[in-house]
Amino acid sequence: MHKNRVRGYNKRFYPGVALIVAAMLCLVFALTRLNVPLLQLQNKYFNLKDITKNEDSILKVTGIDKHSVQNSDFGKWSLYIVSYLEKDSHGNETTQYIGLELDEETAKQLIDKKNTLRDHPEKVAGTFVEPEFHDKKVMDYSYRTQDAMEKYIKAPLSRRYQNYLSIKPGKETQKLFLIISLVLLVPGLALVYLAEKHHQFATYYNSLFAGYKNTEALVESHPELKGKRLSTLLNKSDYIDDTLGVYIYKNFFCSTVKGLEIYDLNKTKCLHHFEKTFYPEEGGSFMKSYLVFATSDPDAVVRSTKVQIKNIGEETDSHLQPFFDKLRQDFPTIEIEAKKESKR
């Protein structure tokens, strides 16, 4: 009953918090991946002359072909030729063209806005992709892009039709980190919940009410014991007899033979040692010892209370004498009666 259970709480709580923090970081990363407002704060607008491989930027789309030039993943992702605004060396915005890889939903949204994009460009955050040239998909894309762009520009720059922007890396990263966030969050919340339940149990377990009846009066009379462990009560008792499990804490008698049993000595008229011998059908006889308290409270319904103590044989009564002497000294109104026995 004296075990400190704070360690068990810590083993659950802190790993749980760590998992939740990690989950939140993954969630933040997922939500900020290809985030237009954040890229705007960094002034990350797409410019083909300055862009590097796998760099994120904002494309100010002013037009889109409604037919894609390349599809992948069974049509889930498609490449479209889009027009966009790009600043030249003088800081003036000019219309340029590039391939943009979109999912079906985003492509539909842009195509639906096609007639208004010139006056109200759509800002799309994407990642600049420079694929390997031996990739057949990219080779096909470059050929198709050249043909598609010929109606827009006479001599397309190789970098413009061989490479493209894509929202796919950002979307896939978002999806991955959202999954990781969920995977971390669920056990993290579970551990914190278990830690809290463990804490509640430990508080209950370590308190004087842990499975013990009628201890409210003890804690109410002595608030310093509130929430303390049983060891606090026993170690700070005015009288300690670990052999018989008999203790006096201020005005309360305490016995630990059956968990914790108490009796208010201020309400005690008299008491005596009662020893009972048992003769089971199998095996030898054995004895149990009790202290029987008679109440001095005239309104009490129960006039006497029997509290078990340890029995150490014939020496039990003589071993109790120092306890009786302590009672005579501190509680002179209590009458100590002679030992009584019962055999059956």
Protein backbone atom coordinates (compact mmCIF):
# COMPACT_ATOMS: atom_id res chain seq x y z
CA MET A 1 0.00 0.00 0.00
CA HIS A 2 3.03 2.28 0.35
CA LYS A 3 4.11 2.15 -3.27
CA ASN A 4 4.69 5.51 -4.98
CA ARG A 5 2.88 5.47 -8.32
CA VAL A 6 4.05 8.84 -9.71
CA ARG A 7 6.54 7.02 -11.92
CA GLY A 8 3.73 5.14 -13.66
CA TYR A 9 2.01 8.46 -14.36
CA ASN A 10 5.19 9.96 -15.82
CA LYS A 11 5.76 6.93 -18.05
CA ARG A 12 2.41 7.60 -19.68
CA PHE A 13 2.02 11.38 -19.53
CA TYR A 14 5.34 12.63 -20.93
CA PRO A 15 5.56 10.19 -23.87
CA GLY A 16 1.92 11.04 -24.59
CA VAL A 17 2.66 14.77 -24.61
CA ALA A 18 5.72 14.17 -26.82
CA LEU A 19 3.58 12.28 -29.33
CA ILE A 20 0.93 15.02 -29.31
CA VAL A 21 3.59 17.71 -29.86
CA ALA A 22 5.08 15.68 -32.72
CA ALA A 23 1.59 15.24 -34.18
CA MET A 24 0.97 18.99 -33.99
CA LEU A 25 4.29 19.72 -35.70
CA CYS A 26 3.38 17.30 -38.49
CA LEU A 27 -0.04 18.92 -38.77
CA VAL A 28 1.47 22.40 -38.98
CA PHE A 29 3.92 21.21 -41.63
CA ALA A 30 1.07 19.63 -43.60
CA LEU A 31 -1.09 22.75 -43.43
CA THR A 32 1.76 25.09 -44.37
CA ARG A 33 3.03 22.98 -47.30
CA LEU A 34 2.35 24.96 -50.49
CA ASN A 35 0.50 27.59 -48.49
CA VAL A 36 -0.14 30.65 -50.65
CA PRO A 37 -0.26 33.26 -47.81
CA LEU A 38 3.05 32.00 -46.37
CA LEU A 39 4.72 32.01 -49.78
CA GLN A 40 3.37 35.53 -50.36
CA LEU A 41 5.04 36.69 -47.14
CA GLN A 42 8.31 35.37 -48.58
CA ASN A 43 7.58 36.99 -51.95
CA LYS A 44 7.92 33.58 -53.58
CA TYR A 45 6.38 34.25 -57.01
CA PHE A 46 7.32 31.99 -59.88
CA ASN A 47 9.99 33.25 -62.24
CA LEU A 48 11.49 30.75 -64.65
CA LYS A 49 14.89 32.49 -64.68
CA ASP A 50 15.37 32.24 -60.93
CA ILE A 51 13.49 29.08 -59.97
CA THR A 52 15.42 25.99 -58.85
CA LYS A 53 14.50 22.33 -58.81
CA ASN A 54 11.91 21.33 -56.17
CA GLU A 55 11.44 24.96 -55.09
CA ASP A 56 7.95 26.08 -54.07
CA SER A 57 6.46 29.26 -55.49
CA ILE A 58 3.20 30.96 -56.45
CA LEU A 59 1.96 30.92 -60.02
CA LYS A 60 -0.44 33.75 -60.91
CA VAL A 61 -2.57 31.86 -63.43
CA THR A 62 -4.36 34.01 -66.02
CA GLY A 63 -5.52 31.25 -68.36
CA ILE A 64 -5.71 27.49 -68.82
CA ASP A 65 -6.33 25.12 -71.72
CA LYS A 66 -9.34 23.05 -70.92
CA HIS A 67 -7.70 19.98 -72.42
CA SER A 68 -4.71 18.42 -70.69
CA VAL A 69 -1.54 17.53 -72.60
CA GLN A 70 -0.55 14.60 -70.37
CA ASN A 71 -2.26 12.36 -67.82
CA SER A 72 -0.85 10.09 -65.12
CA ASP A 73 -2.07 7.81 -62.32
CA PHE A 74 -5.08 6.74 -64.41
CA GLY A 75 -6.15 10.32 -64.98
CA LYS A 76 -5.85 11.37 -61.35
CA TRP A 77 -3.15 13.92 -62.26
CA SER A 78 -3.01 15.89 -65.50
CA LEU A 79 -0.69 18.46 -67.06
CA TYR A 80 -2.23 21.62 -68.48
CA ILE A 81 -0.73 24.51 -70.38
CA VAL A 82 -1.42 27.66 -68.40
CA SER A 83 -0.68 31.30 -68.92
CA TYR A 84 0.64 33.24 -65.95
CA LEU A 85 2.11 36.62 -65.00
CA GLU A 86 5.88 36.81 -64.58
CA LYS A 87 7.97 39.89 -63.86
CA ASP A 88 10.68 40.71 -66.36
CA SER A 89 14.05 42.29 -65.61
CA HIS A 90 12.38 45.73 -65.43
CA GLY A 91 9.77 44.59 -62.89
CA ASN A 92 6.94 44.62 -65.38
CA GLU A 93 4.48 41.72 -65.42
CA THR A 94 4.35 39.85 -68.72
CA THR A 95 2.27 36.88 -69.80
CA GLN A 96 4.21 33.62 -70.06
CA TYR A 97 3.31 29.94 -70.46
CA ILE A 98 4.24 26.78 -68.60
CA GLY A 99 2.91 23.33 -67.82
CA LEU A 100 1.03 22.93 -64.55
CA GLU A 101 0.23 19.51 -63.06
CA LEU A 102 -3.13 19.49 -61.29
CA ASP A 103 -5.50 17.03 -59.77
CA GLU A 104 -8.97 16.70 -61.26
CA GLU A 105 -10.70 18.90 -58.68
CA THR A 106 -8.22 21.80 -58.87
CA ALA A 107 -8.17 21.65 -62.66
CA LYS A 108 -11.97 21.84 -62.80
CA GLN A 109 -11.96 24.86 -60.49
CA LEU A 110 -9.50 26.69 -62.73
CA ILE A 111 -11.28 25.73 -65.95
CA ASP A 112 -14.60 26.95 -64.48
CA LYS A 113 -12.92 30.33 -63.84
CA LYS A 114 -11.29 30.45 -67.26
CA ASN A 115 -13.26 33.48 -68.49
CA THR A 116 -12.36 35.58 -65.43
CA LEU A 117 -8.76 34.51 -64.87
CA ARG A 118 -7.27 37.29 -67.04
CA ASP A 119 -8.82 40.01 -64.91
CA HIS A 120 -8.62 38.05 -61.67
CA PRO A 121 -5.57 35.76 -61.73
CA GLU A 122 -5.74 32.67 -59.53
CA LYS A 123 -2.76 32.15 -57.24
CA VAL A 124 -1.67 28.53 -57.25
CA ALA A 125 1.18 27.25 -55.08
CA GLY A 126 3.28 24.61 -56.79
CA THR A 127 6.65 22.88 -56.83
CA PHE A 128 9.03 23.28 -59.77
CA VAL A 129 9.74 19.87 -61.28
CA GLU A 130 12.82 19.03 -63.35
CA PRO A 131 12.34 15.34 -64.16
CA GLU A 132 14.99 13.00 -65.50
CA PHE A 133 15.11 13.15 -69.28
CA HIS A 134 15.02 9.37 -69.65
CA ASP A 135 11.54 9.39 -68.08
CA LYS A 136 9.25 8.46 -70.99
CA LYS A 137 6.37 10.36 -69.47
CA VAL A 138 8.45 13.56 -69.43
CA MET A 139 9.70 12.99 -72.99
CA ASP A 140 6.15 12.59 -74.22
CA TYR A 141 5.17 15.63 -72.20
CA SER A 142 7.95 17.77 -73.69
CA TYR A 143 6.95 16.87 -77.24
CA ARG A 144 3.28 17.51 -76.57
CA THR A 145 4.10 20.73 -74.73
CA GLN A 146 6.12 22.01 -77.64
CA ASP A 147 3.18 21.38 -79.96
CA ALA A 148 0.73 22.90 -77.52
CA MET A 149 2.86 25.97 -76.90
CA GLU A 150 3.50 26.70 -80.54
CA LYS A 151 0.18 28.49 -80.75
CA TYR A 152 1.28 30.76 -77.91
CA ILE A 153 4.98 31.36 -78.53
CA LYS A 154 7.16 30.94 -81.62
CA ALA A 155 10.27 29.42 -80.05
CA PRO A 156 9.64 28.05 -76.57
CA LEU A 157 12.62 27.86 -74.29
CA SER A 158 13.63 24.26 -73.62
CA ARG A 159 13.36 24.76 -69.89
CA ARG A 160 9.80 25.98 -70.27
CA TYR A 161 8.47 22.98 -72.12
CA GLN A 162 10.60 20.25 -70.57
CA ASN A 163 9.87 21.22 -66.96
CA TYR A 164 6.70 22.21 -65.22
CA LEU A 165 5.07 23.19 -61.94
CA SER A 166 3.07 20.67 -59.94
CA ILE A 167 0.83 20.72 -56.91
CA LYS A 168 1.30 16.94 -56.61
CA PRO A 169 4.40 16.92 -54.32
CA GLY A 170 2.72 19.33 -51.94
CA LYS A 171 -0.56 17.42 -51.92
CA GLU A 172 1.18 14.10 -51.36
CA THR A 173 3.34 15.58 -48.59
CA GLN A 174 0.26 17.05 -46.96
CA LYS A 175 -1.50 13.70 -47.12
CA LEU A 176 1.53 11.85 -45.73
CA PHE A 177 2.03 14.24 -42.81
CA LEU A 178 -1.68 14.32 -42.02
CA ILE A 179 -1.59 10.53 -41.76
CA ILE A 180 1.56 10.67 -39.62
CA SER A 181 -0.07 13.34 -37.45
CA LEU A 182 -3.11 11.14 -36.92
CA VAL A 183 -0.94 8.09 -36.22
CA LEU A 184 0.96 10.06 -33.57
CA LEU A 185 -2.03 11.90 -32.14
CA VAL A 186 -4.22 8.88 -31.37
CA PRO A 187 -1.70 7.02 -29.16
CA GLY A 188 -0.57 10.35 -27.69
CA LEU A 189 -4.10 11.20 -26.57
CA ALA A 190 -4.56 7.62 -25.36
CA LEU A 191 -1.40 7.82 -23.23
CA VAL A 192 -2.38 11.19 -21.73
CA TYR A 193 -5.86 9.81 -20.99
CA LEU A 194 -4.37 6.72 -19.35
CA ALA A 195 -1.96 8.92 -17.40
CA GLU A 196 -4.85 11.00 -16.10
CA LYS A 197 -6.80 7.89 -15.16
CA HIS A 198 -3.67 6.52 -13.51
CA HIS A 199 -3.23 9.82 -11.66
CA GLN A 200 -6.80 9.67 -10.41
CA PHE A 201 -6.28 6.08 -9.31
CA ALA A 202 -2.93 6.92 -7.68
CA THR A 203 -4.50 9.83 -5.82
CA TYR A 204 -7.25 7.55 -4.64
CA TYR A 205 -4.82 4.72 -3.92
CA ASN A 206 -2.41 6.93 -1.99
CA SER A 207 -5.11 8.66 0.03
CA LEU A 208 -6.40 7.44 3.37
CA PHE A 209 -9.70 6.57 1.70
CA ALA A 210 -8.18 3.87 -0.50
CA GLY A 211 -10.42 0.97 0.33
CA TYR A 212 -10.69 1.98 3.97
CA LYS A 213 -14.01 2.64 5.61
CA ASN A 214 -14.92 5.48 7.94
CA THR A 215 -11.64 7.39 7.57
CA GLU A 216 -13.38 10.68 6.73
CA ALA A 217 -13.47 11.70 10.37
CA LEU A 218 -9.71 11.22 10.68
CA VAL A 219 -8.88 13.46 7.72
CA GLU A 220 -11.56 15.98 8.66
CA SER A 221 -10.03 16.30 12.13
CA HIS A 222 -6.48 16.40 10.78
CA PRO A 223 -6.37 18.11 7.35
CA GLU A 224 -2.60 17.62 7.15
CA LEU A 225 -3.36 14.00 6.20
CA LYS A 226 -5.49 14.90 3.22
CA GLY A 227 -4.17 13.23 0.09
CA LYS A 228 -1.28 11.68 1.99
CA ARG A 229 -0.24 8.07 1.88
CA LEU A 230 -0.84 5.59 4.64
CA SER A 231 2.87 5.66 5.46
CA THR A 232 2.55 9.34 6.43
CA LEU A 233 -0.04 8.45 9.03
CA LEU A 234 1.95 5.53 10.41
CA ASN A 235 5.36 7.21 10.46
CA LYS A 236 4.04 10.29 12.24
CA SER A 237 1.98 8.44 14.81
CA ASP A 238 2.43 9.25 18.51
CA TYR A 239 2.54 5.56 19.32
CA ILE A 240 3.87 2.92 16.92
CA ASP A 241 3.72 -0.85 17.34
CA ASP A 242 4.45 -2.52 14.01
CA THR A 243 4.43 -5.95 15.64
CA LEU A 244 0.74 -5.78 16.51
CA GLY A 245 -0.20 -3.22 13.84
CA VAL A 246 -1.31 -0.79 16.55
CA TYR A 247 -0.85 2.99 16.28
CA ILE A 248 -2.09 6.20 17.90
CA TYR A 249 -2.25 9.31 15.73
CA LYS A 250 -3.22 12.19 17.99
CA ASN A 251 -6.75 11.28 19.12
CA PHE A 252 -7.26 8.30 16.80
CA PHE A 253 -6.45 4.65 17.32
CA CYS A 254 -5.35 2.93 14.09
CA SER A 255 -4.92 -0.72 13.18
CA THR A 256 -3.40 -1.96 9.91
CA VAL A 257 -4.25 -5.65 10.24
CA LYS A 258 -7.23 -5.35 7.87
CA GLY A 259 -6.17 -2.43 5.68
CA LEU A 260 -6.84 0.51 7.96
CA GLU A 261 -9.34 0.64 10.79
CA ILE A 262 -9.67 3.62 13.11
CA TYR A 263 -11.49 4.63 16.26
CA ASP A 264 -11.80 8.06 17.86
CA LEU A 265 -10.25 7.84 21.34
CA ASN A 266 -12.01 11.06 22.38
CA LYS A 267 -15.27 9.14 22.09
CA THR A 268 -14.05 6.07 23.93
CA LYS A 269 -15.42 5.17 27.37
CA CYS A 270 -13.51 1.94 27.89
CA LEU A 271 -11.74 -0.82 25.99
CA HIS A 272 -10.31 -4.27 26.53
CA HIS A 273 -8.30 -6.89 24.73
CA PHE A 274 -10.45 -9.70 23.44
CA GLU A 275 -8.80 -12.94 22.38
CA LYS A 276 -10.69 -15.60 20.46
CA THR A 277 -9.50 -19.15 19.81
CA PHE A 278 -10.63 -21.01 16.70
CA TYR A 279 -10.66 -24.77 16.22
CA PRO A 280 -11.03 -25.57 12.53
CA GLU A 281 -12.03 -29.04 11.41
CA GLU A 282 -8.70 -29.49 9.71
CA GLY A 283 -5.41 -28.32 11.20
CA GLY A 284 -4.50 -26.95 14.61
CA SER A 285 -6.17 -24.17 16.58
CA PHE A 286 -5.30 -20.52 16.17
CA MET A 287 -6.15 -17.26 17.92
CA LYS A 288 -7.24 -13.81 16.81
CA SER A 289 -6.98 -10.67 18.90
CA TYR A 290 -9.28 -7.65 18.95
CA LEU A 291 -9.51 -4.39 20.81
CA VAL A 292 -13.09 -3.75 21.79
CA PHE A 293 -14.01 -0.06 22.16
CA ALA A 294 -17.12 1.07 24.04
CA THR A 295 -18.31 4.51 23.02
CA SER A 296 -18.87 7.43 25.36
CA ASP A 297 -21.19 9.09 22.84
CA PRO A 298 -24.74 8.80 24.22
CA ASP A 299 -26.22 9.34 20.74
CA ALA A 300 -24.22 6.57 19.06
CA VAL A 301 -26.30 3.73 17.65
CA VAL A 302 -23.39 1.27 17.78
CA ARG A 303 -22.30 1.02 21.40
CA SER A 304 -19.16 -1.04 20.90
CA THR A 305 -16.71 -1.60 18.06
CA LYS A 306 -14.33 -4.52 17.62
CA VAL A 307 -11.04 -3.83 15.79
CA GLN A 308 -8.69 -6.67 14.91
CA ILE A 309 -5.00 -6.48 15.79
CA LYS A 310 -2.19 -8.97 15.20
CA ASN A 311 -2.02 -11.96 17.52
CA ILE A 312 1.48 -13.13 18.45
CA GLY A 313 0.39 -15.90 20.78
CA GLU A 314 0.38 -15.89 24.56
CA GLU A 315 2.57 -12.76 24.67
CA THR A 316 -0.03 -10.63 22.85
CA ASP A 317 -1.64 -9.23 25.99
CA SER A 318 1.66 -8.41 27.69
CA HIS A 319 2.85 -6.81 24.45
CA LEU A 320 -0.21 -4.54 24.61
CA GLN A 321 0.67 -3.13 28.04
CA PRO A 322 2.82 -0.21 26.75
CA PHE A 323 -0.11 0.72 24.49
CA PHE A 324 -2.46 0.69 27.50
CA ASP A 325 0.05 2.78 29.47
CA LYS A 326 0.12 5.35 26.66
CA LEU A 327 -3.68 5.52 26.75
CA ARG A 328 -3.69 5.98 30.53
CA GLN A 329 -1.21 8.81 30.16
CA ASP A 330 -2.80 10.69 27.23
CA PHE A 331 -6.46 9.70 27.70
CA PRO A 332 -6.96 9.26 31.47
CA THR A 333 -10.75 9.14 31.15
CA ILE A 334 -10.61 5.85 29.21
CA GLU A 335 -11.05 2.81 31.40
CA ILE A 336 -8.77 -0.11 30.53
CA GLU A 337 -10.57 -3.35 31.30
CA ALA A 338 -9.11 -6.82 31.80
CA LYS A 339 -8.52 -9.19 28.97
CA LYS A 340 -11.44 -11.35 27.87
CA GLU A 341 -11.30 -14.66 26.06
CA SER A 342 -13.56 -16.79 24.00
CA LYS A 343 -13.01 -20.36 22.87
CA ARG A 344 -15.07 -22.42 20.43
